[in-house]
Amino acid sequence: MIRQHSTTTSVPDFMKPSVLTRIISFIIASVILLSGCSDDRQASISSEPERNPVLLISIDGFINSYVDRNETPDFDRFLRQAVQAEHLIPVFPPNTFPSHWSIATGLHVENHGIIANSFYDYELEARFSYGPQGTPNDERWWGGEPIWATAEKQGKTAVTFFWPGSEASIYGVQPTRWMDYDGSVPDSVRIDSVMTWLDPAGETQADFGTLYFSFVDSRGHRYGPDAEEVDESVKEMDGLIGYLLDRMEAHGLSESLNILLVSDHGMAATSPDRVIFLEDLINLNDVDVVAWSPAGMLKPREGKTETVYQALKEKEEEYAYRVFLRDELPERFHFRNHYRIPEIILLADIGYTITNRPFFNNRGVLAGTHGYDNRDPEMFSFFAAKGPAFRNGERVSGIEAIHLYELMAHLLGIEPAPNDGTLDEVIHLLKTD
């Protein structure tokens, strides 16, 4: 009988069943734990707040009735997913530069100082005129802090493809990308550029952007707000809205981008039959005319304030205007307290033009204009907003443009600079109050 060798091969401890079982269990547990950590990390990434950039678009001189009276399939496409106001109430005076700068800063005109599209500053001894000319980055003109500067100062990336005042350096801050205004740049190029800058996979990945279109306003001035030429411009704008929506989809922005589609003022019809000649009212040698129509701003020569004011007051009932000393202007205008505002304001009734005969004989009058009392319905403008933050398919009562800065700061998650607006007045536009 052959006896088995009683001596067995030594088994390392880590191969013994009890130990091996523990090792295998540890490995399995580690894999599960690591898998769980991976899931947790993925969940952490996916739970990060979604990036929702904000795009502010202005269609200069645009009003609700332009959409209501025309076939506008792309506006309709936008509005089906948007919250729309019955109207947007601009600041006084409702002109392009004052209104756009108030939207950007949340300040009334008396607090930012852009009192008209063109005016003379007697302290700076220079004229502001659509720019101002030759010094587009001169921040001496621009009071307040625009939303793009607020965003940049707080670590956000802002881009502007035209907006009145966006070329200016404000306290040394400018948008990451911006353009000097050039009206010849095709509108589709403006859209393409901003979509590229906002693209979440692009190089810039901007948090805030602006677009600006002026041609509807231009035709309203030239032909009047009820003209066929204006309707044609509305259809052109409708096509651009469609192009914008298509480019949003191409850049992966359809579900994430919050858009505020606004206008700066309305438009009223005027005519050569409704003209106020200033020389029929006062001696023009007694004043400097800081701004003309419809909100005439008069700086009397030394010692002439009372003479000029009384002359205008005596003819107020005969002519279609109201005259105010600066300190007597209705408080709702918020147009008293800036040094650029002169002593006398002559405000034409809706549809009337203040001019002088040499200018009238040479140039006539515009067929449409703005700048009247900002509470005249003809001065009301357009507002609609679309995106993940906004209610959709709803129409709300009118809102004031002065509150849009606060709304944009809220959407961007940044602390607003001091301003005259309040979020409470526009919070109802959002899905969650």
Protein backbone atom coordinates (compact mmCIF):
# COMPACT_ATOMS: atom_id res chain seq x y z
CA MET A 1 0.00 0.00 0.00
CA ILE A 2 1.41 3.09 -0.99
CA ARG A 3 1.03 5.82 1.62
CA GLN A 4 0.35 9.27 0.50
CA HIS A 5 3.08 11.74 1.36
CA SER A 6 1.96 13.36 4.50
CA THR A 7 3.68 16.64 3.72
CA THR A 8 1.50 19.06 1.56
CA THR A 9 2.55 22.08 -0.48
CA SER A 10 2.31 25.27 1.60
CA VAL A 11 -0.55 27.60 0.51
CA PRO A 12 0.12 31.34 0.80
CA ASP A 13 -2.16 33.10 3.25
CA PHE A 14 -3.77 35.26 0.56
CA MET A 15 -4.85 32.08 -1.27
CA LYS A 16 -6.56 30.54 1.73
CA PRO A 17 -10.33 30.40 1.18
CA SER A 18 -11.34 32.65 4.01
CA VAL A 19 -8.83 35.31 3.09
CA LEU A 20 -9.48 34.95 -0.63
CA THR A 21 -13.17 35.41 -0.05
CA ARG A 22 -12.51 38.61 1.82
CA ILE A 23 -10.22 39.91 -0.93
CA ILE A 24 -12.77 39.14 -3.66
CA SER A 25 -15.49 40.78 -1.61
CA PHE A 26 -13.29 43.83 -1.12
CA ILE A 27 -12.58 44.06 -4.85
CA ILE A 28 -16.28 43.75 -5.70
CA ALA A 29 -17.18 46.33 -3.07
CA SER A 30 -14.48 48.65 -4.36
CA VAL A 31 -15.76 48.35 -7.92
CA ILE A 32 -19.29 49.08 -6.73
CA LEU A 33 -18.05 51.98 -4.63
CA LEU A 34 -16.01 53.41 -7.48
CA SER A 35 -18.93 52.94 -9.80
CA GLY A 36 -21.09 54.74 -7.29
CA CYS A 37 -18.54 57.54 -7.03
CA SER A 38 -18.55 57.83 -10.81
CA ASP A 39 -22.32 57.99 -10.77
CA ASP A 40 -22.19 60.57 -8.00
CA ARG A 41 -19.68 62.64 -9.95
CA GLN A 42 -21.82 62.39 -13.06
CA ALA A 43 -24.85 63.34 -11.02
CA SER A 44 -22.91 66.26 -9.57
CA ILE A 45 -21.98 67.45 -13.05
CA SER A 46 -25.49 67.07 -14.38
CA SER A 47 -26.93 68.81 -11.32
CA GLU A 48 -24.88 71.95 -11.87
CA PRO A 49 -27.13 74.90 -12.74
CA GLU A 50 -27.91 75.01 -16.44
CA ARG A 51 -26.24 77.87 -18.27
CA ASN A 52 -28.97 80.20 -19.51
CA PRO A 53 -27.50 83.17 -21.38
CA VAL A 54 -29.55 86.32 -21.96
CA LEU A 55 -30.01 88.07 -25.30
CA LEU A 56 -31.45 91.61 -25.43
CA ILE A 57 -32.78 92.55 -28.88
CA SER A 58 -34.05 95.99 -29.88
CA ILE A 59 -36.19 96.68 -32.94
CA ASP A 60 -36.07 100.46 -33.03
CA GLY A 61 -39.48 102.15 -33.34
CA PHE A 62 -41.49 98.91 -33.27
CA ILE A 63 -45.05 98.66 -31.92
CA ASN A 64 -47.58 95.88 -31.31
CA SER A 65 -49.94 97.01 -34.06
CA TYR A 66 -47.26 96.31 -36.66
CA VAL A 67 -47.55 92.60 -35.84
CA ASP A 68 -51.31 92.67 -35.38
CA ARG A 69 -52.01 94.09 -38.85
CA ASN A 70 -49.54 91.97 -40.85
CA GLU A 71 -48.95 88.32 -41.68
CA THR A 72 -45.96 87.56 -39.47
CA PRO A 73 -45.51 83.78 -39.20
CA ASP A 74 -42.13 83.99 -37.50
CA PHE A 75 -43.21 86.57 -34.94
CA ASP A 76 -46.17 84.27 -34.30
CA ARG A 77 -43.77 81.36 -33.89
CA PHE A 78 -41.79 83.39 -31.35
CA LEU A 79 -44.84 84.67 -29.47
CA ARG A 80 -46.42 81.22 -29.10
CA GLN A 81 -43.55 80.40 -26.75
CA ALA A 82 -43.27 83.85 -25.17
CA VAL A 83 -44.84 86.16 -22.65
CA GLN A 84 -45.93 89.38 -24.34
CA ALA A 85 -46.86 92.70 -22.76
CA GLU A 86 -49.76 94.77 -24.04
CA HIS A 87 -47.12 97.48 -24.44
CA LEU A 88 -43.81 98.71 -23.08
CA ILE A 89 -43.83 102.22 -21.58
CA PRO A 90 -40.61 104.07 -22.46
CA VAL A 91 -38.88 106.75 -20.42
CA PHE A 92 -39.24 110.45 -21.15
CA PRO A 93 -38.29 111.67 -23.66
CA PRO A 94 -39.00 108.55 -25.73
CA ASN A 95 -36.14 108.92 -28.19
CA THR A 96 -33.56 106.40 -29.35
CA PHE A 97 -30.52 107.22 -27.24
CA PRO A 98 -32.28 108.20 -24.00
CA SER A 99 -34.58 105.16 -24.17
CA HIS A 100 -31.92 102.60 -25.05
CA TRP A 101 -29.60 103.87 -22.34
CA SER A 102 -32.41 103.68 -19.78
CA ILE A 103 -33.14 100.07 -20.76
CA ALA A 104 -29.44 99.25 -20.41
CA THR A 105 -28.95 101.01 -17.05
CA GLY A 106 -32.35 101.00 -15.37
CA LEU A 107 -32.02 104.76 -14.86
CA HIS A 108 -34.39 107.57 -15.71
CA VAL A 109 -32.95 110.17 -18.06
CA GLU A 110 -32.36 112.72 -15.29
CA ASN A 111 -30.06 110.17 -13.64
CA HIS A 112 -28.02 109.10 -16.66
CA GLY A 113 -27.81 112.37 -18.59
CA ILE A 114 -28.48 111.30 -22.19
CA ILE A 115 -31.26 113.85 -22.51
CA ALA A 116 -31.77 113.65 -26.30
CA ASN A 117 -30.32 112.11 -29.44
CA SER A 118 -28.35 115.29 -29.94
CA PHE A 119 -27.62 118.04 -27.42
CA TYR A 120 -24.95 120.48 -26.32
CA ASP A 121 -23.25 120.13 -22.94
CA TYR A 122 -22.24 123.56 -21.70
CA GLU A 123 -19.89 122.17 -19.04
CA LEU A 124 -18.07 119.84 -21.42
CA GLU A 125 -18.28 122.47 -24.16
CA ALA A 126 -19.04 119.75 -26.66
CA ARG A 127 -22.00 118.33 -28.59
CA PHE A 128 -23.37 114.84 -28.15
CA SER A 129 -24.71 113.64 -31.48
CA TYR A 130 -25.36 109.96 -32.07
CA GLY A 131 -22.16 108.98 -30.44
CA PRO A 132 -20.77 111.51 -29.62
CA GLN A 133 -18.98 112.07 -32.90
CA GLY A 134 -15.27 111.34 -32.87
CA THR A 135 -15.21 110.18 -29.24
CA PRO A 136 -17.33 107.01 -29.07
CA ASN A 137 -15.50 105.73 -25.97
CA ASP A 138 -15.70 108.97 -23.99
CA GLU A 139 -17.42 107.90 -20.79
CA ARG A 140 -17.97 111.49 -19.67
CA TRP A 141 -21.30 111.42 -21.51
CA TRP A 142 -22.74 108.21 -20.14
CA GLY A 143 -24.11 108.13 -16.59
CA GLY A 144 -24.94 104.88 -14.86
CA GLU A 145 -23.76 101.33 -15.39
CA PRO A 146 -25.13 99.34 -18.35
CA ILE A 147 -26.02 95.70 -17.88
CA TRP A 148 -23.05 94.48 -19.91
CA ALA A 149 -20.64 96.35 -17.62
CA THR A 150 -22.40 94.96 -14.53
CA ALA A 151 -22.04 91.46 -15.99
CA GLU A 152 -18.36 91.85 -16.90
CA LYS A 153 -17.51 93.28 -13.46
CA GLN A 154 -19.00 90.18 -11.83
CA GLY A 155 -17.18 87.60 -13.90
CA LYS A 156 -19.69 87.13 -16.71
CA THR A 157 -18.94 87.45 -20.41
CA ALA A 158 -20.89 90.10 -22.34
CA VAL A 159 -21.02 90.78 -26.08
CA THR A 160 -22.77 93.56 -27.98
CA PHE A 161 -23.42 93.70 -31.71
CA PHE A 162 -24.73 97.27 -31.64
CA TRP A 163 -26.66 99.00 -28.90
CA PRO A 164 -26.67 102.77 -28.44
CA GLY A 165 -23.81 103.51 -26.08
CA SER A 166 -22.26 100.04 -26.15
CA GLU A 167 -19.05 101.36 -27.74
CA ALA A 168 -18.36 103.49 -24.68
CA SER A 169 -15.95 102.52 -21.96
CA ILE A 170 -17.81 102.76 -18.64
CA TYR A 171 -15.44 103.07 -15.71
CA GLY A 172 -12.88 101.36 -17.93
CA VAL A 173 -15.18 98.37 -18.60
CA GLN A 174 -16.32 97.26 -22.04
CA PRO A 175 -17.97 94.09 -23.33
CA THR A 176 -15.66 91.20 -24.18
CA ARG A 177 -16.75 91.62 -27.79
CA TRP A 178 -18.37 94.75 -29.23
CA MET A 179 -18.69 96.60 -32.53
CA ASP A 180 -18.59 100.26 -33.52
CA TYR A 181 -21.96 101.03 -35.05
CA ASP A 182 -22.09 100.52 -38.80
CA GLY A 183 -25.56 100.48 -40.30
CA SER A 184 -24.27 98.83 -43.48
CA VAL A 185 -23.53 95.54 -41.70
CA PRO A 186 -26.14 93.02 -42.94
CA ASP A 187 -28.69 92.08 -40.31
CA SER A 188 -28.09 88.37 -40.82
CA VAL A 189 -24.38 88.90 -40.10
CA ARG A 190 -25.29 90.52 -36.79
CA ILE A 191 -27.37 87.48 -35.85
CA ASP A 192 -24.70 85.01 -36.98
CA SER A 193 -22.02 86.76 -34.94
CA VAL A 194 -24.00 86.89 -31.72
CA MET A 195 -25.14 83.29 -32.05
CA THR A 196 -21.50 82.25 -32.45
CA TRP A 197 -20.51 84.27 -29.38
CA LEU A 198 -23.34 82.75 -27.30
CA ASP A 199 -22.76 79.19 -28.54
CA PRO A 200 -22.21 76.96 -25.47
CA ALA A 201 -19.55 75.03 -27.39
CA GLY A 202 -17.93 78.09 -28.94
CA GLU A 203 -14.83 80.04 -28.06
CA THR A 204 -16.54 82.96 -26.32
CA GLN A 205 -19.48 81.25 -24.56
CA ALA A 206 -21.00 84.61 -23.68
CA ASP A 207 -23.52 84.98 -20.87
CA PHE A 208 -25.13 88.15 -22.23
CA GLY A 209 -25.54 89.70 -25.67
CA THR A 210 -27.33 92.47 -27.54
CA LEU A 211 -28.65 92.95 -31.07
CA TYR A 212 -30.04 96.13 -32.61
CA PHE A 213 -32.06 96.74 -35.79
CA SER A 214 -32.99 100.23 -36.99
CA PHE A 215 -34.71 99.93 -40.36
CA VAL A 216 -38.31 99.77 -39.11
CA ASP A 217 -37.81 103.08 -37.29
CA SER A 218 -36.18 104.65 -40.34
CA ARG A 219 -39.15 103.82 -42.55
CA GLY A 220 -41.59 104.97 -39.90
CA HIS A 221 -39.90 108.38 -39.94
CA ARG A 222 -39.80 108.58 -43.72
CA TYR A 223 -43.24 107.24 -44.62
CA GLY A 224 -45.28 107.39 -41.42
CA PRO A 225 -46.37 104.52 -39.15
CA ASP A 226 -49.39 103.56 -41.27
CA ALA A 227 -47.54 103.29 -44.58
CA GLU A 228 -47.18 100.21 -46.76
CA GLU A 229 -43.42 100.72 -46.67
CA VAL A 230 -43.49 100.20 -42.91
CA ASP A 231 -45.50 97.01 -43.35
CA GLU A 232 -42.83 95.77 -45.77
CA SER A 233 -40.17 96.49 -43.16
CA VAL A 234 -42.19 94.52 -40.60
CA LYS A 235 -42.23 91.53 -42.95
CA GLU A 236 -38.45 91.86 -43.36
CA MET A 237 -38.10 91.86 -39.59
CA ASP A 238 -40.34 88.83 -39.41
CA GLY A 239 -37.93 86.98 -41.67
CA LEU A 240 -35.04 87.95 -39.40
CA ILE A 241 -36.90 86.60 -36.37
CA GLY A 242 -37.27 83.31 -38.23
CA TYR A 243 -33.59 83.35 -39.11
CA LEU A 244 -32.71 84.01 -35.47
CA LEU A 245 -34.80 81.06 -34.27
CA ASP A 246 -33.19 78.78 -36.84
CA ARG A 247 -29.68 79.88 -35.86
CA MET A 248 -30.50 79.35 -32.19
CA GLU A 249 -31.35 75.75 -33.00
CA ALA A 250 -28.17 75.30 -35.03
CA HIS A 251 -26.06 76.57 -32.11
CA GLY A 252 -27.81 74.50 -29.46
CA LEU A 253 -29.50 77.50 -27.85
CA SER A 254 -33.18 76.80 -28.46
CA GLU A 255 -33.84 75.43 -24.98
CA SER A 256 -31.42 77.52 -22.93
CA LEU A 257 -31.42 81.09 -24.26
CA ASN A 258 -33.57 83.75 -22.57
CA ILE A 259 -34.52 86.46 -25.09
CA LEU A 260 -35.94 89.91 -24.37
CA LEU A 261 -37.36 91.35 -27.59
CA VAL A 262 -38.02 95.05 -27.05
CA SER A 263 -38.39 98.43 -28.68
CA ASP A 264 -37.33 101.85 -27.46
CA HIS A 265 -40.39 103.95 -28.36
CA GLY A 266 -43.47 104.10 -30.53
CA MET A 267 -44.23 106.21 -33.60
CA ALA A 268 -46.81 108.93 -34.29
CA ALA A 269 -47.93 110.26 -37.67
CA THR A 270 -47.04 113.89 -38.41
CA SER A 271 -47.77 116.22 -41.30
CA PRO A 272 -46.86 119.66 -42.72
CA ASP A 273 -50.29 120.87 -41.54
CA ARG A 274 -49.34 120.37 -37.88
CA VAL A 275 -46.31 122.59 -37.40
CA ILE A 276 -45.35 124.99 -34.63
CA PHE A 277 -42.88 127.66 -35.77
CA LEU A 278 -40.82 128.67 -32.78
CA GLU A 279 -40.13 132.17 -34.12
CA ASP A 280 -43.88 132.85 -33.97
CA LEU A 281 -43.74 132.30 -30.22
CA ILE A 282 -40.51 133.91 -29.00
CA ASN A 283 -37.50 135.90 -30.12
CA LEU A 284 -35.02 133.21 -31.12
CA ASN A 285 -32.16 135.51 -30.14
CA ASP A 286 -33.27 135.08 -26.53
CA VAL A 287 -32.53 131.33 -26.38
CA ASP A 288 -30.20 128.54 -27.32
CA VAL A 289 -32.21 125.58 -28.60
CA VAL A 290 -30.67 122.54 -26.92
CA ALA A 291 -33.09 120.12 -28.63
CA TRP A 292 -35.95 120.68 -31.08
CA SER A 293 -39.04 118.57 -31.59
CA PRO A 294 -41.24 117.22 -30.08
CA ALA A 295 -39.65 117.98 -26.69
CA GLY A 296 -38.11 121.36 -27.35
CA MET A 297 -35.43 122.20 -24.80
CA LEU A 298 -34.66 125.90 -24.50
CA LYS A 299 -31.78 127.52 -22.64
CA PRO A 300 -32.63 131.22 -22.27
CA ARG A 301 -29.85 133.76 -22.52
CA GLU A 302 -28.88 135.43 -19.28
CA GLY A 303 -31.80 137.32 -17.76
CA LYS A 304 -34.30 136.07 -20.37
CA THR A 305 -35.85 133.07 -18.61
CA GLU A 306 -38.99 134.80 -17.37
CA THR A 307 -39.48 136.72 -20.63
CA VAL A 308 -39.28 133.58 -22.74
CA TYR A 309 -41.42 131.53 -20.38
CA GLN A 310 -44.21 134.11 -20.19
CA ALA A 311 -44.25 134.55 -23.96
CA LEU A 312 -44.67 130.80 -24.41
CA LYS A 313 -47.24 130.55 -21.64
CA GLU A 314 -49.43 133.27 -23.18
CA LYS A 315 -49.74 131.34 -26.45
CA GLU A 316 -50.10 127.87 -24.94
CA GLU A 317 -53.86 127.69 -25.53
CA GLU A 318 -53.59 128.96 -29.10
CA TYR A 319 -50.93 126.49 -30.15
CA ALA A 320 -50.64 122.73 -29.70
CA TYR A 321 -48.03 122.52 -26.96
CA ARG A 322 -47.42 122.69 -23.23
CA VAL A 323 -44.63 124.72 -21.68
CA PHE A 324 -42.87 123.96 -18.39
CA LEU A 325 -40.13 125.44 -16.32
CA ARG A 326 -37.77 122.59 -15.60
CA ASP A 327 -38.66 122.44 -11.90
CA GLU A 328 -42.37 122.42 -12.75
CA LEU A 329 -42.28 119.40 -15.04
CA PRO A 330 -44.58 116.57 -13.93
CA GLU A 331 -42.67 114.35 -11.55
CA ARG A 332 -43.60 111.29 -13.59
CA PHE A 333 -41.28 112.50 -16.36
CA HIS A 334 -38.25 112.15 -14.08
CA PHE A 335 -36.71 114.96 -16.08
CA ARG A 336 -35.68 117.70 -13.69
CA ASN A 337 -32.46 116.99 -11.87
CA HIS A 338 -29.63 116.73 -14.41
CA TYR A 339 -27.52 119.78 -15.18
CA ARG A 340 -27.90 119.15 -18.94
CA ILE A 341 -31.66 119.71 -18.80
CA PRO A 342 -32.24 123.39 -19.62
CA GLU A 343 -34.62 125.78 -17.90
CA ILE A 344 -37.60 125.56 -20.27
CA ILE A 345 -39.24 122.52 -21.88
CA LEU A 346 -41.70 123.00 -24.75
CA LEU A 347 -43.64 119.78 -25.36
CA ALA A 348 -45.66 119.48 -28.56
CA ASP A 349 -49.02 117.75 -28.63
CA ILE A 350 -49.02 114.36 -30.27
CA GLY A 351 -48.50 114.61 -34.04
CA TYR A 352 -47.17 118.19 -34.02
CA THR A 353 -43.67 119.31 -34.97
CA ILE A 354 -41.69 122.20 -33.46
CA THR A 355 -39.41 123.77 -36.06
CA ASN A 356 -38.44 127.08 -37.68
CA ARG A 357 -39.26 128.33 -41.15
CA PRO A 358 -35.77 128.04 -42.72
CA PHE A 359 -35.55 124.39 -41.70
CA PHE A 360 -39.16 123.69 -42.71
CA ASN A 361 -38.71 125.32 -46.12
CA ASN A 362 -35.55 123.31 -46.72
CA ARG A 363 -36.42 119.93 -45.22
CA GLY A 364 -40.14 119.88 -44.46
CA VAL A 365 -41.21 117.57 -41.64
CA LEU A 366 -40.91 113.86 -41.07
CA ALA A 367 -43.94 111.70 -41.83
CA GLY A 368 -43.63 110.06 -38.44
CA THR A 369 -41.76 110.73 -35.22
CA HIS A 370 -41.53 110.11 -31.48
CA GLY A 371 -40.34 111.99 -28.40
CA TYR A 372 -43.74 113.13 -27.13
CA ASP A 373 -45.22 112.53 -23.69
CA ASN A 374 -44.14 108.97 -22.89
CA ARG A 375 -47.64 108.18 -21.60
CA ASP A 376 -49.26 108.94 -24.95
CA PRO A 377 -50.36 105.54 -26.34
CA GLU A 378 -48.63 106.31 -29.66
CA MET A 379 -45.32 106.27 -27.77
CA PHE A 380 -45.86 102.82 -26.28
CA SER A 381 -43.57 100.18 -27.73
CA PHE A 382 -43.12 96.41 -27.92
CA PHE A 383 -42.06 93.77 -25.39
CA ALA A 384 -41.99 89.98 -25.54
CA ALA A 385 -39.70 87.51 -23.78
CA LYS A 386 -39.00 83.87 -24.54
CA GLY A 387 -36.87 81.24 -22.87
CA PRO A 388 -36.67 78.79 -19.99
CA ALA A 389 -37.18 81.51 -17.37
CA PHE A 390 -40.33 83.01 -18.90
CA ARG A 391 -43.98 82.13 -19.00
CA ASN A 392 -45.07 81.20 -22.49
CA GLY A 393 -48.11 81.79 -24.62
CA GLU A 394 -49.38 84.50 -22.27
CA ARG A 395 -50.20 88.18 -22.66
CA VAL A 396 -49.86 90.53 -19.70
CA SER A 397 -50.64 94.18 -19.08
CA GLY A 398 -48.20 96.94 -19.97
CA ILE A 399 -44.85 97.23 -18.18
CA GLU A 400 -42.30 100.02 -17.86
CA ALA A 401 -38.96 99.83 -19.62
CA ILE A 402 -37.15 101.18 -16.56
CA HIS A 403 -37.49 97.78 -14.83
CA LEU A 404 -35.78 95.67 -17.51
CA TYR A 405 -32.28 96.19 -16.12
CA GLU A 406 -33.32 94.60 -12.82
CA LEU A 407 -34.93 91.73 -14.71
CA MET A 408 -31.78 91.06 -16.74
CA ALA A 409 -29.57 91.18 -13.65
CA HIS A 410 -31.88 88.64 -12.02
CA LEU A 411 -31.72 86.34 -15.04
CA LEU A 412 -27.91 86.55 -15.04
CA GLY A 413 -27.65 85.95 -11.32
CA ILE A 414 -25.69 89.14 -10.69
CA GLU A 415 -26.01 92.01 -8.24
CA PRO A 416 -27.54 95.05 -9.98
CA ALA A 417 -25.89 98.44 -9.82
CA PRO A 418 -27.96 101.27 -8.26
CA ASN A 419 -30.91 101.99 -10.55
CA ASP A 420 -34.48 103.32 -10.65
CA GLY A 421 -36.23 100.04 -11.45
CA THR A 422 -37.52 97.19 -9.34
CA LEU A 423 -37.77 93.47 -10.01
CA ASP A 424 -41.16 93.36 -8.28
CA GLU A 425 -42.76 95.15 -11.24
CA VAL A 426 -41.72 92.46 -13.75
CA ILE A 427 -41.37 89.29 -11.66
CA HIS A 428 -44.77 88.10 -12.95
CA LEU A 429 -43.18 87.57 -16.37
CA LEU A 430 -41.22 84.62 -15.00
CA LYS A 431 -42.43 81.07 -14.65
CA THR A 432 -41.75 81.09 -10.92
CA ASP A 433 -42.60 84.29 -9.08
